[in-house]
Amino acid sequence: MAQTLRTVGENVAVIIPPDLLEQHGLKAGDLVHLISTEQGINIVPDETLDPDFRNAARIIMQKHHEVFQRLAEFDTQKL
């Protein structure tokens, strides 16, 4: 199923048809994760991620918050 990427403010969005949302038990406002793979981008509902992975990611983000903040600011400056 092909979808067009659309500009929303400074971001880009893709529309997910209602039947796909229903099939996967998703609705507007749900937290999902975007995971980059060799095949493309996977959209994964938050609860399907391994709790150990979530905890490790949280620890890394807290420990290196300043670095991630600087990277985000650098990326924004390039635009």
N, C-alpha and C. Protein backbone atom coordinates (compact mmCIF):
# COMPACT_ATOMS: atom_id res chain seq x y z
N MET A 1 0.84 -1.16 0.00
CA MET A 1 0.00 0.00 0.00
C MET A 1 0.90 1.24 0.00
N ALA A 2 0.83 2.03 -1.02
CA ALA A 2 1.66 3.23 -1.15
C ALA A 2 0.97 4.41 -0.46
N GLN A 3 1.74 5.20 0.24
CA GLN A 3 1.25 6.42 0.88
C GLN A 3 2.22 7.55 0.57
N THR A 4 1.71 8.76 0.49
CA THR A 4 2.54 9.93 0.22
C THR A 4 2.99 10.55 1.54
N LEU A 5 4.27 10.86 1.65
CA LEU A 5 4.77 11.58 2.82
C LEU A 5 4.31 13.02 2.70
N ARG A 6 3.85 13.59 3.82
CA ARG A 6 3.30 14.95 3.81
C ARG A 6 4.04 15.82 4.84
N THR A 7 4.22 17.08 4.50
CA THR A 7 4.84 18.02 5.42
C THR A 7 3.81 18.48 6.44
N VAL A 8 4.21 18.41 7.71
CA VAL A 8 3.37 18.88 8.81
C VAL A 8 4.26 19.76 9.67
N GLY A 9 4.15 21.06 9.51
CA GLY A 9 5.06 21.98 10.19
C GLY A 9 6.46 21.76 9.66
N GLU A 10 7.39 21.49 10.57
CA GLU A 10 8.77 21.22 10.18
C GLU A 10 9.05 19.72 10.06
N ASN A 11 8.02 18.90 10.24
CA ASN A 11 8.17 17.45 10.21
C ASN A 11 7.54 16.86 8.95
N VAL A 12 7.69 15.59 8.79
CA VAL A 12 7.08 14.86 7.69
C VAL A 12 6.25 13.73 8.30
N ALA A 13 5.04 13.52 7.78
CA ALA A 13 4.13 12.51 8.32
C ALA A 13 3.64 11.60 7.21
N VAL A 14 3.20 10.42 7.62
CA VAL A 14 2.55 9.50 6.70
C VAL A 14 1.18 9.18 7.29
N ILE A 15 0.17 9.10 6.44
CA ILE A 15 -1.19 8.78 6.88
C ILE A 15 -1.32 7.27 6.95
N ILE A 16 -1.78 6.77 8.09
CA ILE A 16 -2.03 5.33 8.25
C ILE A 16 -3.54 5.12 8.14
N PRO A 17 -3.97 4.35 7.16
CA PRO A 17 -5.40 4.14 6.96
C PRO A 17 -6.07 3.50 8.18
N PRO A 18 -7.33 3.84 8.42
CA PRO A 18 -8.06 3.32 9.59
C PRO A 18 -8.07 1.81 9.71
N ASP A 19 -8.17 1.09 8.58
CA ASP A 19 -8.22 -0.37 8.65
C ASP A 19 -6.90 -0.95 9.18
N LEU A 20 -5.77 -0.34 8.82
CA LEU A 20 -4.49 -0.81 9.34
C LEU A 20 -4.36 -0.49 10.82
N LEU A 21 -4.82 0.69 11.23
CA LEU A 21 -4.78 1.04 12.65
C LEU A 21 -5.60 0.05 13.46
N GLU A 22 -6.80 -0.24 12.98
CA GLU A 22 -7.68 -1.18 13.68
C GLU A 22 -7.07 -2.58 13.72
N GLN A 23 -6.50 -3.01 12.62
CA GLN A 23 -5.89 -4.35 12.53
C GLN A 23 -4.78 -4.53 13.57
N HIS A 24 -4.08 -3.44 13.87
CA HIS A 24 -2.95 -3.53 14.79
C HIS A 24 -3.26 -2.92 16.16
N GLY A 25 -4.53 -2.59 16.38
CA GLY A 25 -4.95 -2.10 17.69
C GLY A 25 -4.38 -0.74 18.04
N LEU A 26 -4.18 0.11 17.04
CA LEU A 26 -3.61 1.44 17.26
C LEU A 26 -4.67 2.51 17.07
N LYS A 27 -4.43 3.65 17.73
CA LYS A 27 -5.33 4.80 17.55
C LYS A 27 -4.50 6.07 17.70
N ALA A 28 -5.06 7.18 17.27
CA ALA A 28 -4.38 8.47 17.40
C ALA A 28 -4.01 8.70 18.86
N GLY A 29 -2.79 9.14 19.09
CA GLY A 29 -2.31 9.40 20.44
C GLY A 29 -1.50 8.27 21.04
N ASP A 30 -1.54 7.07 20.43
CA ASP A 30 -0.75 5.96 20.94
C ASP A 30 0.74 6.23 20.74
N LEU A 31 1.55 5.76 21.67
CA LEU A 31 3.00 5.88 21.57
C LEU A 31 3.52 4.73 20.72
N VAL A 32 4.29 5.06 19.69
CA VAL A 32 4.93 4.06 18.84
C VAL A 32 6.41 4.40 18.72
N HIS A 33 7.19 3.44 18.30
CA HIS A 33 8.61 3.64 18.07
C HIS A 33 8.90 3.43 16.59
N LEU A 34 9.77 4.26 16.04
CA LEU A 34 10.21 4.11 14.66
C LEU A 34 11.58 3.44 14.72
N ILE A 35 11.68 2.29 14.09
CA ILE A 35 12.92 1.52 14.13
C ILE A 35 13.45 1.40 12.71
N SER A 36 14.68 1.86 12.52
CA SER A 36 15.32 1.79 11.21
C SER A 36 15.89 0.40 11.00
N THR A 37 15.57 -0.22 9.87
CA THR A 37 16.09 -1.54 9.53
C THR A 37 16.68 -1.48 8.12
N GLU A 38 17.32 -2.53 7.70
CA GLU A 38 17.86 -2.58 6.34
C GLU A 38 16.74 -2.50 5.31
N GLN A 39 15.54 -2.97 5.66
CA GLN A 39 14.41 -2.96 4.74
C GLN A 39 13.65 -1.64 4.73
N GLY A 40 13.84 -0.81 5.75
CA GLY A 40 13.10 0.45 5.81
C GLY A 40 12.83 0.85 7.24
N ILE A 41 11.69 1.46 7.48
CA ILE A 41 11.30 1.93 8.81
C ILE A 41 10.12 1.10 9.30
N ASN A 42 10.27 0.54 10.50
CA ASN A 42 9.18 -0.20 11.13
C ASN A 42 8.53 0.68 12.18
N ILE A 43 7.21 0.65 12.25
CA ILE A 43 6.46 1.34 13.30
C ILE A 43 6.03 0.28 14.29
N VAL A 44 6.50 0.41 15.54
CA VAL A 44 6.26 -0.62 16.54
C VAL A 44 5.53 -0.02 17.74
N PRO A 45 4.36 -0.59 18.10
CA PRO A 45 3.67 -0.09 19.29
C PRO A 45 4.58 -0.20 20.51
N ASP A 46 4.48 0.75 21.41
CA ASP A 46 5.36 0.81 22.58
C ASP A 46 5.38 -0.48 23.37
N GLU A 47 4.23 -1.10 23.60
CA GLU A 47 4.17 -2.26 24.47
C GLU A 47 4.82 -3.51 23.86
N THR A 48 5.13 -3.50 22.58
CA THR A 48 5.74 -4.69 21.98
C THR A 48 7.25 -4.70 22.13
N LEU A 49 7.85 -3.57 22.55
CA LEU A 49 9.29 -3.55 22.74
C LEU A 49 9.64 -4.28 24.03
N ASP A 50 10.73 -5.00 23.99
CA ASP A 50 11.22 -5.73 25.15
C ASP A 50 11.46 -4.76 26.30
N PRO A 51 10.93 -5.05 27.48
CA PRO A 51 11.11 -4.14 28.63
C PRO A 51 12.58 -3.88 28.95
N ASP A 52 13.45 -4.87 28.78
CA ASP A 52 14.87 -4.67 29.02
C ASP A 52 15.46 -3.66 28.04
N PHE A 53 15.01 -3.73 26.77
CA PHE A 53 15.46 -2.78 25.76
C PHE A 53 15.01 -1.37 26.12
N ARG A 54 13.73 -1.24 26.50
CA ARG A 54 13.19 0.06 26.89
C ARG A 54 13.96 0.65 28.07
N ASN A 55 14.25 -0.19 29.06
CA ASN A 55 14.98 0.27 30.23
C ASN A 55 16.40 0.70 29.85
N ALA A 56 17.07 -0.10 29.02
CA ALA A 56 18.43 0.24 28.59
C ALA A 56 18.42 1.56 27.81
N ALA A 57 17.45 1.75 26.92
CA ALA A 57 17.35 2.99 26.15
C ALA A 57 17.12 4.18 27.08
N ARG A 58 16.27 4.00 28.08
CA ARG A 58 15.99 5.07 29.03
C ARG A 58 17.26 5.46 29.79
N ILE A 59 18.02 4.46 30.24
CA ILE A 59 19.26 4.72 30.97
C ILE A 59 20.26 5.46 30.09
N ILE A 60 20.39 5.01 28.84
CA ILE A 60 21.33 5.67 27.91
C ILE A 60 20.91 7.11 27.66
N MET A 61 19.61 7.33 27.45
CA MET A 61 19.13 8.69 27.21
C MET A 61 19.38 9.59 28.41
N GLN A 62 19.16 9.07 29.62
CA GLN A 62 19.40 9.87 30.82
C GLN A 62 20.88 10.15 30.99
N LYS A 63 21.70 9.14 30.79
CA LYS A 63 23.14 9.27 31.00
C LYS A 63 23.77 10.24 29.99
N HIS A 64 23.29 10.21 28.76
CA HIS A 64 23.89 11.00 27.68
C HIS A 64 22.94 12.09 27.16
N HIS A 65 22.05 12.55 28.03
CA HIS A 65 21.04 13.55 27.64
C HIS A 65 21.69 14.78 26.98
N GLU A 66 22.77 15.25 27.57
CA GLU A 66 23.43 16.45 27.07
C GLU A 66 23.94 16.25 25.63
N VAL A 67 24.50 15.09 25.36
CA VAL A 67 25.02 14.79 24.02
C VAL A 67 23.87 14.75 23.02
N PHE A 68 22.76 14.08 23.37
CA PHE A 68 21.62 14.00 22.47
C PHE A 68 21.02 15.39 22.23
N GLN A 69 21.00 16.22 23.26
CA GLN A 69 20.49 17.58 23.12
C GLN A 69 21.35 18.37 22.14
N ARG A 70 22.67 18.26 22.27
CA ARG A 70 23.58 18.97 21.36
C ARG A 70 23.41 18.47 19.92
N LEU A 71 23.25 17.17 19.75
CA LEU A 71 23.03 16.62 18.41
C LEU A 71 21.74 17.16 17.80
N ALA A 72 20.69 17.22 18.61
CA ALA A 72 19.41 17.74 18.11
C ALA A 72 19.55 19.20 17.71
N GLU A 73 20.25 19.98 18.52
CA GLU A 73 20.44 21.40 18.20
C GLU A 73 21.29 21.56 16.94
N PHE A 74 22.32 20.74 16.80
CA PHE A 74 23.19 20.80 15.62
C PHE A 74 22.38 20.47 14.37
N ASP A 75 21.56 19.43 14.43
CA ASP A 75 20.75 19.03 13.29
C ASP A 75 19.78 20.15 12.91
N THR A 76 19.20 20.80 13.89
CA THR A 76 18.26 21.89 13.63
C THR A 76 18.94 23.06 12.96
N GLN A 77 20.18 23.34 13.37
CA GLN A 77 20.93 24.46 12.80
C GLN A 77 21.27 24.22 11.33
N LYS A 78 21.41 22.96 10.93
CA LYS A 78 21.75 22.64 9.55
C LYS A 78 20.59 22.88 8.61
N LEU A 79 19.36 22.86 9.13
CA LEU A 79 18.18 22.99 8.26
C LEU A 79 17.98 24.37 7.78
